[in-house]
Amino acid sequence: MGRLNDQIAGNRTATLVIGPRRQAVAKLAAEKMEAPFPVLADPGRQAYRAYGFTKSLWVIQKSGWILLDKEGIVRYTCRSRNPQNSFDETELLKVLEEQGAARGEP
């Protein structure tokens, strides 16, 4: 995701990653990804629940990504049953392009 940061920012969008663990784990993840964006922790899973992400079989945290506009309105949600495969960069770039077109941008 880090390598897409320039393309994401070019679409007037910012990246923010929220993980379900402690801040120390989020910091390690940010370092490992060499993330040029914030990586935050949500150990109580309040953000996860607020956006409809749940656990399956009571132990596996479902993941995905959400596109919010600058007013905080959810414009797109992708939920995945497989936490190891929750991000599809082709899908993200397509959604960003569609959102730009909806705003009348080239």
N, C-alpha and C. Protein backbone atom coordinates (compact mmCIF):
# COMPACT_ATOMS: atom_id res chain seq x y z
N MET A 1 0.81 -1.18 0.00
CA MET A 1 0.00 0.00 0.00
C MET A 1 0.86 1.26 0.00
N GLY A 2 2.00 1.17 0.63
CA GLY A 2 2.88 2.33 0.70
C GLY A 2 3.31 2.81 -0.67
N ARG A 3 3.55 1.88 -1.59
CA ARG A 3 3.99 2.28 -2.92
C ARG A 3 2.88 2.95 -3.72
N LEU A 4 1.64 2.81 -3.28
CA LEU A 4 0.50 3.46 -3.94
C LEU A 4 0.20 4.83 -3.35
N ASN A 5 0.93 5.21 -2.31
CA ASN A 5 0.60 6.43 -1.58
C ASN A 5 0.55 7.66 -2.48
N ASP A 6 1.48 7.79 -3.42
CA ASP A 6 1.47 8.96 -4.31
C ASP A 6 0.22 8.97 -5.18
N GLN A 7 -0.17 7.80 -5.71
CA GLN A 7 -1.38 7.72 -6.52
C GLN A 7 -2.61 8.03 -5.70
N ILE A 8 -2.63 7.53 -4.48
CA ILE A 8 -3.77 7.78 -3.60
C ILE A 8 -3.86 9.27 -3.29
N ALA A 9 -2.74 9.88 -2.93
CA ALA A 9 -2.71 11.31 -2.63
C ALA A 9 -3.06 12.13 -3.86
N GLY A 10 -2.68 11.66 -5.05
CA GLY A 10 -3.00 12.35 -6.28
C GLY A 10 -4.49 12.38 -6.57
N ASN A 11 -5.24 11.52 -5.92
CA ASN A 11 -6.69 11.48 -6.06
C ASN A 11 -7.37 12.22 -4.90
N ARG A 12 -6.62 13.15 -4.30
CA ARG A 12 -7.14 13.94 -3.17
C ARG A 12 -7.67 13.05 -2.06
N THR A 13 -6.93 11.99 -1.81
CA THR A 13 -7.31 11.02 -0.79
C THR A 13 -6.09 10.76 0.08
N ALA A 14 -6.31 10.48 1.34
CA ALA A 14 -5.21 10.17 2.25
C ALA A 14 -5.35 8.74 2.74
N THR A 15 -4.25 8.14 3.09
CA THR A 15 -4.24 6.77 3.60
C THR A 15 -4.06 6.80 5.11
N LEU A 16 -4.81 5.93 5.76
CA LEU A 16 -4.72 5.74 7.20
C LEU A 16 -4.99 4.27 7.46
N VAL A 17 -4.10 3.59 8.17
CA VAL A 17 -4.28 2.18 8.49
C VAL A 17 -4.61 2.07 9.97
N ILE A 18 -5.62 1.25 10.28
CA ILE A 18 -6.00 1.00 11.67
C ILE A 18 -5.95 -0.50 11.89
N GLY A 19 -5.17 -0.93 12.86
CA GLY A 19 -5.05 -2.35 13.18
C GLY A 19 -5.70 -2.67 14.51
N PRO A 20 -6.07 -3.94 14.72
CA PRO A 20 -6.79 -4.31 15.93
C PRO A 20 -5.91 -4.60 17.14
N ARG A 21 -4.66 -4.25 17.07
CA ARG A 21 -3.75 -4.58 18.18
C ARG A 21 -3.24 -3.33 18.88
N ARG A 22 -2.27 -3.53 19.77
CA ARG A 22 -1.69 -2.43 20.55
C ARG A 22 -0.88 -1.48 19.67
N GLN A 23 -0.65 -0.28 20.18
CA GLN A 23 0.10 0.73 19.43
C GLN A 23 1.53 0.27 19.12
N ALA A 24 2.15 -0.49 20.02
CA ALA A 24 3.50 -0.99 19.76
C ALA A 24 3.52 -1.88 18.52
N VAL A 25 2.48 -2.68 18.33
CA VAL A 25 2.38 -3.55 17.16
C VAL A 25 2.14 -2.71 15.91
N ALA A 26 1.31 -1.67 16.03
CA ALA A 26 1.05 -0.78 14.91
C ALA A 26 2.34 -0.08 14.48
N LYS A 27 3.14 0.31 15.45
CA LYS A 27 4.41 0.97 15.14
C LYS A 27 5.34 0.03 14.38
N LEU A 28 5.41 -1.21 14.81
CA LEU A 28 6.24 -2.20 14.11
C LEU A 28 5.73 -2.44 12.69
N ALA A 29 4.41 -2.51 12.54
CA ALA A 29 3.83 -2.70 11.21
C ALA A 29 4.17 -1.53 10.31
N ALA A 30 4.09 -0.32 10.82
CA ALA A 30 4.42 0.88 10.04
C ALA A 30 5.87 0.83 9.58
N GLU A 31 6.75 0.42 10.48
CA GLU A 31 8.17 0.32 10.13
C GLU A 31 8.39 -0.76 9.07
N LYS A 32 7.74 -1.90 9.23
CA LYS A 32 7.89 -3.00 8.28
C LYS A 32 7.38 -2.60 6.90
N MET A 33 6.25 -1.89 6.85
CA MET A 33 5.67 -1.45 5.57
C MET A 33 6.38 -0.24 5.00
N GLU A 34 7.24 0.39 5.84
CA GLU A 34 7.84 1.67 5.48
C GLU A 34 6.73 2.63 5.07
N ALA A 35 5.70 2.67 5.91
CA ALA A 35 4.48 3.41 5.62
C ALA A 35 4.70 4.93 5.67
N PRO A 36 4.38 5.62 4.58
CA PRO A 36 4.45 7.08 4.58
C PRO A 36 3.13 7.69 5.06
N PHE A 37 2.32 6.88 5.75
CA PHE A 37 1.02 7.30 6.25
C PHE A 37 0.87 6.80 7.68
N PRO A 38 -0.08 7.33 8.43
CA PRO A 38 -0.27 6.88 9.81
C PRO A 38 -0.77 5.44 9.90
N VAL A 39 -0.23 4.70 10.86
CA VAL A 39 -0.70 3.36 11.19
C VAL A 39 -1.08 3.41 12.67
N LEU A 40 -2.36 3.25 12.94
CA LEU A 40 -2.89 3.42 14.29
C LEU A 40 -3.35 2.08 14.86
N ALA A 41 -3.57 2.07 16.16
CA ALA A 41 -4.04 0.87 16.85
C ALA A 41 -5.48 1.06 17.31
N ASP A 42 -6.21 -0.05 17.30
CA ASP A 42 -7.60 -0.07 17.78
C ASP A 42 -7.80 -1.34 18.61
N PRO A 43 -7.06 -1.44 19.74
CA PRO A 43 -7.11 -2.69 20.50
C PRO A 43 -8.50 -3.03 21.04
N GLY A 44 -9.33 -2.04 21.26
CA GLY A 44 -10.70 -2.29 21.73
C GLY A 44 -11.67 -2.53 20.59
N ARG A 45 -11.18 -2.39 19.36
CA ARG A 45 -11.95 -2.62 18.13
C ARG A 45 -13.17 -1.71 17.99
N GLN A 46 -13.11 -0.52 18.57
CA GLN A 46 -14.24 0.40 18.44
C GLN A 46 -14.40 0.87 16.99
N ALA A 47 -13.30 1.20 16.33
CA ALA A 47 -13.39 1.64 14.93
C ALA A 47 -13.85 0.49 14.05
N TYR A 48 -13.34 -0.69 14.31
CA TYR A 48 -13.77 -1.85 13.52
C TYR A 48 -15.28 -2.03 13.61
N ARG A 49 -15.80 -2.01 14.81
CA ARG A 49 -17.24 -2.20 15.00
C ARG A 49 -18.04 -1.05 14.39
N ALA A 50 -17.53 0.17 14.53
CA ALA A 50 -18.25 1.33 14.00
C ALA A 50 -18.44 1.24 12.49
N TYR A 51 -17.49 0.60 11.81
CA TYR A 51 -17.57 0.47 10.35
C TYR A 51 -18.05 -0.91 9.92
N GLY A 52 -18.58 -1.69 10.85
CA GLY A 52 -19.21 -2.96 10.51
C GLY A 52 -18.29 -4.14 10.31
N PHE A 53 -17.05 -4.03 10.77
CA PHE A 53 -16.14 -5.17 10.67
C PHE A 53 -16.32 -6.03 11.91
N THR A 54 -16.50 -7.31 11.72
CA THR A 54 -16.79 -8.22 12.81
C THR A 54 -15.75 -9.35 12.84
N LYS A 55 -15.92 -10.23 13.79
CA LYS A 55 -15.09 -11.43 13.85
C LYS A 55 -15.92 -12.59 13.30
N SER A 56 -15.23 -13.55 12.70
CA SER A 56 -15.91 -14.77 12.31
C SER A 56 -15.38 -15.89 13.20
N LEU A 57 -16.24 -16.81 13.50
CA LEU A 57 -15.89 -17.91 14.41
C LEU A 57 -15.36 -17.39 15.74
N TRP A 58 -15.74 -16.16 16.09
CA TRP A 58 -15.39 -15.49 17.34
C TRP A 58 -13.91 -15.22 17.52
N VAL A 59 -13.06 -15.57 16.56
CA VAL A 59 -11.63 -15.35 16.75
C VAL A 59 -10.94 -14.65 15.58
N ILE A 60 -11.47 -14.76 14.38
CA ILE A 60 -10.80 -14.20 13.21
C ILE A 60 -11.39 -12.83 12.90
N GLN A 61 -10.58 -11.79 13.09
CA GLN A 61 -11.03 -10.42 12.80
C GLN A 61 -11.12 -10.23 11.30
N LYS A 62 -12.32 -9.95 10.81
CA LYS A 62 -12.47 -9.65 9.39
C LYS A 62 -11.87 -8.29 9.13
N SER A 63 -11.31 -8.09 7.95
CA SER A 63 -10.67 -6.83 7.64
C SER A 63 -11.13 -6.33 6.28
N GLY A 64 -10.57 -5.25 5.86
CA GLY A 64 -10.92 -4.65 4.58
C GLY A 64 -10.47 -3.21 4.56
N TRP A 65 -11.12 -2.42 3.72
CA TRP A 65 -10.76 -1.01 3.65
C TRP A 65 -11.99 -0.18 3.32
N ILE A 66 -11.90 1.08 3.68
CA ILE A 66 -13.02 2.01 3.53
C ILE A 66 -12.50 3.28 2.89
N LEU A 67 -13.28 3.82 1.97
CA LEU A 67 -12.95 5.10 1.36
C LEU A 67 -13.92 6.13 1.91
N LEU A 68 -13.37 7.12 2.60
CA LEU A 68 -14.17 8.22 3.15
C LEU A 68 -13.86 9.48 2.35
N ASP A 69 -14.86 10.33 2.15
CA ASP A 69 -14.57 11.60 1.51
C ASP A 69 -14.09 12.60 2.56
N LYS A 70 -13.77 13.81 2.14
CA LYS A 70 -13.18 14.77 3.08
C LYS A 70 -14.16 15.21 4.16
N GLU A 71 -15.45 14.96 3.96
CA GLU A 71 -16.45 15.26 5.01
C GLU A 71 -16.66 14.07 5.95
N GLY A 72 -15.96 12.97 5.67
CA GLY A 72 -16.09 11.79 6.52
C GLY A 72 -17.22 10.86 6.10
N ILE A 73 -17.79 11.07 4.93
CA ILE A 73 -18.86 10.21 4.43
C ILE A 73 -18.25 8.98 3.77
N VAL A 74 -18.75 7.81 4.13
CA VAL A 74 -18.27 6.57 3.54
C VAL A 74 -18.72 6.51 2.09
N ARG A 75 -17.75 6.42 1.19
CA ARG A 75 -18.04 6.35 -0.25
C ARG A 75 -17.87 4.94 -0.80
N TYR A 76 -17.13 4.10 -0.09
CA TYR A 76 -16.92 2.73 -0.55
C TYR A 76 -16.42 1.89 0.62
N THR A 77 -16.89 0.66 0.70
CA THR A 77 -16.43 -0.26 1.73
C THR A 77 -16.12 -1.60 1.08
N CYS A 78 -14.98 -2.14 1.42
CA CYS A 78 -14.59 -3.48 0.97
C CYS A 78 -14.34 -4.31 2.22
N ARG A 79 -15.14 -5.35 2.40
CA ARG A 79 -14.95 -6.25 3.54
C ARG A 79 -14.44 -7.58 3.02
N SER A 80 -13.53 -8.18 3.74
CA SER A 80 -12.94 -9.45 3.32
C SER A 80 -13.13 -10.49 4.40
N ARG A 81 -13.40 -11.70 3.98
CA ARG A 81 -13.48 -12.81 4.93
C ARG A 81 -12.09 -13.36 5.24
N ASN A 82 -11.13 -13.03 4.38
CA ASN A 82 -9.76 -13.52 4.55
C ASN A 82 -8.85 -12.36 4.93
N PRO A 83 -8.44 -12.27 6.20
CA PRO A 83 -7.62 -11.14 6.63
C PRO A 83 -6.28 -11.05 5.91
N GLN A 84 -5.81 -12.15 5.34
CA GLN A 84 -4.54 -12.15 4.62
C GLN A 84 -4.69 -11.60 3.20
N ASN A 85 -5.92 -11.44 2.74
CA ASN A 85 -6.16 -11.01 1.36
C ASN A 85 -7.24 -9.93 1.32
N SER A 86 -7.12 -8.94 2.18
CA SER A 86 -8.20 -7.95 2.30
C SER A 86 -7.99 -6.73 1.42
N PHE A 87 -6.83 -6.60 0.79
CA PHE A 87 -6.55 -5.39 0.02
C PHE A 87 -6.24 -5.74 -1.43
N ASP A 88 -7.00 -5.16 -2.34
CA ASP A 88 -6.80 -5.37 -3.77
C ASP A 88 -6.51 -4.00 -4.39
N GLU A 89 -5.24 -3.79 -4.77
CA GLU A 89 -4.86 -2.46 -5.26
C GLU A 89 -5.57 -2.09 -6.55
N THR A 90 -5.86 -3.06 -7.42
CA THR A 90 -6.59 -2.77 -8.65
C THR A 90 -7.98 -2.23 -8.33
N GLU A 91 -8.64 -2.86 -7.37
CA GLU A 91 -9.97 -2.41 -6.95
C GLU A 91 -9.91 -1.01 -6.37
N LEU A 92 -8.92 -0.75 -5.51
CA LEU A 92 -8.77 0.58 -4.91
C LEU A 92 -8.58 1.65 -5.98
N LEU A 93 -7.68 1.42 -6.93
CA LEU A 93 -7.42 2.41 -7.96
C LEU A 93 -8.65 2.65 -8.83
N LYS A 94 -9.42 1.59 -9.10
CA LYS A 94 -10.66 1.73 -9.87
C LYS A 94 -11.66 2.59 -9.10
N VAL A 95 -11.82 2.33 -7.82
CA VAL A 95 -12.76 3.10 -6.99
C VAL A 95 -12.33 4.57 -6.93
N LEU A 96 -11.04 4.82 -6.75
CA LEU A 96 -10.55 6.20 -6.71
C LEU A 96 -10.83 6.92 -8.03
N GLU A 97 -10.64 6.22 -9.14
CA GLU A 97 -10.90 6.81 -10.45
C GLU A 97 -12.39 7.13 -10.60
N GLU A 98 -13.25 6.19 -10.18
CA GLU A 98 -14.69 6.42 -10.27
C GLU A 98 -15.12 7.58 -9.38
N GLN A 99 -14.54 7.67 -8.18
CA GLN A 99 -14.89 8.76 -7.28
C GLN A 99 -14.45 10.11 -7.86
N GLY A 100 -13.27 10.13 -8.50
CA GLY A 100 -12.80 11.36 -9.15
C GLY A 100 -13.73 11.77 -10.27
N ALA A 101 -14.18 10.79 -11.07
CA ALA A 101 -15.12 11.07 -12.16
C ALA A 101 -16.44 11.59 -11.60
N ALA A 102 -16.88 11.05 -10.48
CA ALA A 102 -18.14 11.50 -9.86
C ALA A 102 -18.02 12.95 -9.38
N ARG A 103 -16.78 13.37 -9.04
CA ARG A 103 -16.58 14.75 -8.60
C ARG A 103 -16.33 15.67 -9.80
N GLY A 104 -16.32 15.09 -11.02
CA GLY A 104 -16.07 15.88 -12.22
C GLY A 104 -14.61 16.16 -12.49
N GLU A 105 -13.74 15.31 -11.94
CA GLU A 105 -12.30 15.47 -12.15
C GLU A 105 -11.85 14.58 -13.29
N PRO A 106 -10.81 14.98 -14.01
CA PRO A 106 -10.30 14.14 -15.10
C PRO A 106 -9.72 12.84 -14.61
